[in-house]
Structure formats: C-alpha cells, structure tokens
C-alpha cells in the first residue's frame, strides 16, 4: 500500500513536469533556452516580478506571467525588433530582448500576493 502511494506520487510529479515542459516548448518553441541568468535574476515583490537582467517589472495580471509546475522560474524572450520597423530601428533594436513569457512556480511564496 505504501509503495503504491509512493509510485503514484512519483508518477504525478513526473507527469506534471512533462506537462510543464511541453507547455514551455509550445509557447516558447522547442529549441528555447531558459534565460534566467541566476537564482537572483527574478525578484518577487507585492506588485509582481522584477527581472533584473532585462530591468523589467511584470505586474500581476500581466498575460505574460504563466503559473507552472516545477520549482524554478523560466524566462522566454523575443527580439525587440519587429518586421514593421524601418531598417535602421530594427538594426538598433536587434540585440534587445523583450519578455514573451515568464513561467512562475506555483509554489513561489509570492503567489500569496496575487490572491
């Protein structure tokens, strides 16, 4: 009985992780790399999450914040340059990144702020 419960718990844990990874792959593309530079790159605060490497604050309710299983943040970005820009502006913005999605662990203590 105890072994059965343990196996069930492990199956759910791994299935949840696989679902989270497939969700990240679906929204960010399969060849995406997590762009969180360190454990201190994302700072939770009462308004949402601050991403130090991009110097961006995402407030609660921002559709780019996605709750996910797992125990770490996952940052998906896109280029700041867009096809509708003129060539000069696109070249200037080519090296800049903007947040596409920030996957936040459901277990993150700051999620208490949003309730």
C-alpha atoms as a PDB file:
ATOM      1  CA  UNK A   1       0.000   0.000   0.000  1.00  0.00           C
ATOM      2  CA  UNK A   2       2.755   2.425   0.978  1.00  0.00           C
ATOM      3  CA  UNK A   3       4.822   1.522  -2.124  1.00  0.00           C
ATOM      4  CA  UNK A   4       1.746   2.018  -4.314  1.00  0.00           C
ATOM      5  CA  UNK A   5       1.127   5.508  -2.887  1.00  0.00           C
ATOM      6  CA  UNK A   6       4.776   6.431  -3.401  1.00  0.00           C
ATOM      7  CA  UNK A   7       4.725   5.237  -7.009  1.00  0.00           C
ATOM      8  CA  UNK A   8       1.509   7.167  -7.663  1.00  0.00           C
ATOM      9  CA  UNK A   9       3.018  10.345  -6.201  1.00  0.00           C
ATOM     10  CA  UNK A  10       6.172   9.975  -8.313  1.00  0.00           C
ATOM     11  CA  UNK A  11       4.105   9.349 -11.451  1.00  0.00           C
ATOM     12  CA  UNK A  12       2.069  12.513 -10.843  1.00  0.00           C
ATOM     13  CA  UNK A  13       5.234  14.522 -10.143  1.00  0.00           C
ATOM     14  CA  UNK A  14       6.949  13.418 -13.360  1.00  0.00           C
ATOM     15  CA  UNK A  15       3.774  13.784 -15.416  1.00  0.00           C
ATOM     16  CA  UNK A  16       3.338  17.341 -14.092  1.00  0.00           C
ATOM     17  CA  UNK A  17       6.931  18.166 -15.000  1.00  0.00           C
ATOM     18  CA  UNK A  18       6.478  16.738 -18.503  1.00  0.00           C
ATOM     19  CA  UNK A  19       3.282  18.759 -18.988  1.00  0.00           C
ATOM     20  CA  UNK A  20       5.047  21.928 -17.804  1.00  0.00           C
ATOM     21  CA  UNK A  21       7.972  21.330 -20.173  1.00  0.00           C
ATOM     22  CA  UNK A  22       5.653  20.672 -23.123  1.00  0.00           C
ATOM     23  CA  UNK A  23       3.753  23.875 -22.296  1.00  0.00           C
ATOM     24  CA  UNK A  24       7.013  25.834 -22.300  1.00  0.00           C
ATOM     25  CA  UNK A  25       8.003  24.195 -25.599  1.00  0.00           C
ATOM     26  CA  UNK A  26       4.607  25.038 -27.097  1.00  0.00           C
ATOM     27  CA  UNK A  27       4.662  28.704 -26.074  1.00  0.00           C
ATOM     28  CA  UNK A  28       8.399  29.371 -26.464  1.00  0.00           C
ATOM     29  CA  UNK A  29       9.352  26.872 -29.212  1.00  0.00           C
ATOM     30  CA  UNK A  30      11.141  23.586 -28.615  1.00  0.00           C
ATOM     31  CA  UNK A  31      14.679  24.956 -29.107  1.00  0.00           C
ATOM     32  CA  UNK A  32      14.189  27.653 -26.447  1.00  0.00           C
ATOM     33  CA  UNK A  33      16.700  28.079 -23.613  1.00  0.00           C
ATOM     34  CA  UNK A  34      15.731  29.351 -20.158  1.00  0.00           C
ATOM     35  CA  UNK A  35      17.096  32.886 -19.996  1.00  0.00           C
ATOM     36  CA  UNK A  36      17.096  33.290 -16.217  1.00  0.00           C
ATOM     37  CA  UNK A  37      20.723  34.164 -15.501  1.00  0.00           C
ATOM     38  CA  UNK A  38      20.760  33.128 -11.846  1.00  0.00           C
ATOM     39  CA  UNK A  39      18.508  32.312  -8.939  1.00  0.00           C
ATOM     40  CA  UNK A  40      18.503  36.037  -8.090  1.00  0.00           C
ATOM     41  CA  UNK A  41      17.522  37.200 -11.598  1.00  0.00           C
ATOM     42  CA  UNK A  42      13.787  37.128 -10.791  1.00  0.00           C
ATOM     43  CA  UNK A  43      12.674  39.064  -7.723  1.00  0.00           C
ATOM     44  CA  UNK A  44       9.135  38.620  -6.399  1.00  0.00           C
ATOM     45  CA  UNK A  45       7.500  41.718  -4.935  1.00  0.00           C
ATOM     46  CA  UNK A  46       3.956  42.767  -3.932  1.00  0.00           C
ATOM     47  CA  UNK A  47       3.295  44.107  -7.462  1.00  0.00           C
ATOM     48  CA  UNK A  48       4.535  41.012  -9.345  1.00  0.00           C
ATOM     49  CA  UNK A  49       8.019  40.045 -10.533  1.00  0.00           C
ATOM     50  CA  UNK A  50      11.083  42.098 -11.423  1.00  0.00           C
ATOM     51  CA  UNK A  51      13.502  40.637 -13.982  1.00  0.00           C
ATOM     52  CA  UNK A  52      16.919  42.104 -13.166  1.00  0.00           C
ATOM     53  CA  UNK A  53      18.710  41.059 -16.369  1.00  0.00           C
ATOM     54  CA  UNK A  54      16.104  42.848 -18.534  1.00  0.00           C
ATOM     55  CA  UNK A  55      15.267  45.592 -15.992  1.00  0.00           C
ATOM     56  CA  UNK A  56      11.550  44.858 -16.402  1.00  0.00           C
ATOM     57  CA  UNK A  57       8.712  44.720 -13.865  1.00  0.00           C
ATOM     58  CA  UNK A  58       5.811  42.383 -14.687  1.00  0.00           C
ATOM     59  CA  UNK A  59       2.744  43.154 -12.586  1.00  0.00           C
ATOM     60  CA  UNK A  60       0.164  40.581 -11.513  1.00  0.00           C
ATOM     61  CA  UNK A  61      -2.457  40.193 -14.190  1.00  0.00           C
ATOM     62  CA  UNK A  62       0.094  40.543 -16.997  1.00  0.00           C
ATOM     63  CA  UNK A  63      -0.796  37.820 -19.521  1.00  0.00           C
ATOM     64  CA  UNK A  64       2.913  37.009 -19.952  1.00  0.00           C
ATOM     65  CA  UNK A  65       3.028  35.550 -16.405  1.00  0.00           C
ATOM     66  CA  UNK A  66       2.212  31.836 -16.546  1.00  0.00           C
ATOM     67  CA  UNK A  67       1.930  29.637 -13.445  1.00  0.00           C
ATOM     68  CA  UNK A  68       3.811  26.380 -13.952  1.00  0.00           C
ATOM     69  CA  UNK A  69       4.765  23.249 -12.086  1.00  0.00           C
ATOM     70  CA  UNK A  70       8.368  22.858 -11.084  1.00  0.00           C
ATOM     71  CA  UNK A  71      10.462  24.771  -8.592  1.00  0.00           C
ATOM     72  CA  UNK A  72      12.232  27.385 -10.713  1.00  0.00           C
ATOM     73  CA  UNK A  73      11.441  30.352 -12.906  1.00  0.00           C
ATOM     74  CA  UNK A  74      11.675  30.017 -16.671  1.00  0.00           C
ATOM     75  CA  UNK A  75      12.024  33.105 -18.877  1.00  0.00           C
ATOM     76  CA  UNK A  76      11.131  33.095 -22.556  1.00  0.00           C
ATOM     77  CA  UNK A  77      12.034  36.214 -24.563  1.00  0.00           C
ATOM     78  CA  UNK A  78      11.670  37.543 -28.088  1.00  0.00           C
ATOM     79  CA  UNK A  79      13.603  40.128 -30.058  1.00  0.00           C
ATOM     80  CA  UNK A  80      12.556  43.750 -29.533  1.00  0.00           C
ATOM     81  CA  UNK A  81      12.955  44.326 -33.279  1.00  0.00           C
ATOM     82  CA  UNK A  82       9.805  43.705 -35.311  1.00  0.00           C
ATOM     83  CA  UNK A  83       9.187  43.363 -39.061  1.00  0.00           C
ATOM     84  CA  UNK A  84       7.114  46.564 -39.196  1.00  0.00           C
ATOM     85  CA  UNK A  85      10.062  48.747 -38.053  1.00  0.00           C
ATOM     86  CA  UNK A  86      12.183  50.633 -40.518  1.00  0.00           C
ATOM     87  CA  UNK A  87      15.556  49.038 -41.225  1.00  0.00           C
ATOM     88  CA  UNK A  88      17.597  51.411 -39.044  1.00  0.00           C
ATOM     89  CA  UNK A  89      15.374  50.994 -35.991  1.00  0.00           C
ATOM     90  CA  UNK A  90      15.254  47.218 -36.470  1.00  0.00           C
ATOM     91  CA  UNK A  91      19.065  47.085 -36.533  1.00  0.00           C
ATOM     92  CA  UNK A  92      19.298  49.223 -33.381  1.00  0.00           C
ATOM     93  CA  UNK A  93      16.810  47.008 -31.526  1.00  0.00           C
ATOM     94  CA  UNK A  94      18.166  43.699 -32.889  1.00  0.00           C
ATOM     95  CA  UNK A  95      20.212  42.957 -29.749  1.00  0.00           C
ATOM     96  CA  UNK A  96      17.444  43.860 -27.281  1.00  0.00           C
ATOM     97  CA  UNK A  97      15.075  41.281 -25.834  1.00  0.00           C
ATOM     98  CA  UNK A  98      11.536  41.600 -24.520  1.00  0.00           C
ATOM     99  CA  UNK A  99       9.640  39.224 -22.250  1.00  0.00           C
ATOM    100  CA  UNK A 100       7.494  36.751 -24.130  1.00  0.00           C
ATOM    101  CA  UNK A 101       6.528  34.602 -21.110  1.00  0.00           C
ATOM    102  CA  UNK A 102       7.681  34.255 -17.510  1.00  0.00           C
ATOM    103  CA  UNK A 103       6.850  30.830 -16.093  1.00  0.00           C
ATOM    104  CA  UNK A 104       6.436  31.157 -12.321  1.00  0.00           C
ATOM    105  CA  UNK A 105       6.459  28.133  -9.994  1.00  0.00           C
ATOM    106  CA  UNK A 106       3.057  27.583  -8.390  1.00  0.00           C
ATOM    107  CA  UNK A 107       4.915  27.061  -5.107  1.00  0.00           C
ATOM    108  CA  UNK A 108       6.501  30.538  -5.295  1.00  0.00           C
ATOM    109  CA  UNK A 109       5.737  32.259  -1.937  1.00  0.00           C
ATOM    110  CA  UNK A 110       4.877  35.488  -3.749  1.00  0.00           C
ATOM    111  CA  UNK A 111       1.794  33.874  -5.302  1.00  0.00           C
ATOM    112  CA  UNK A 112       0.126  34.676  -1.984  1.00  0.00           C
ATOM    113  CA  UNK A 113       0.242  38.348  -3.043  1.00  0.00           C
ATOM    114  CA  UNK A 114      -1.977  37.701  -6.051  1.00  0.00           C
ATOM    115  CA  UNK A 115      -4.807  36.086  -4.097  1.00  0.00           C
END
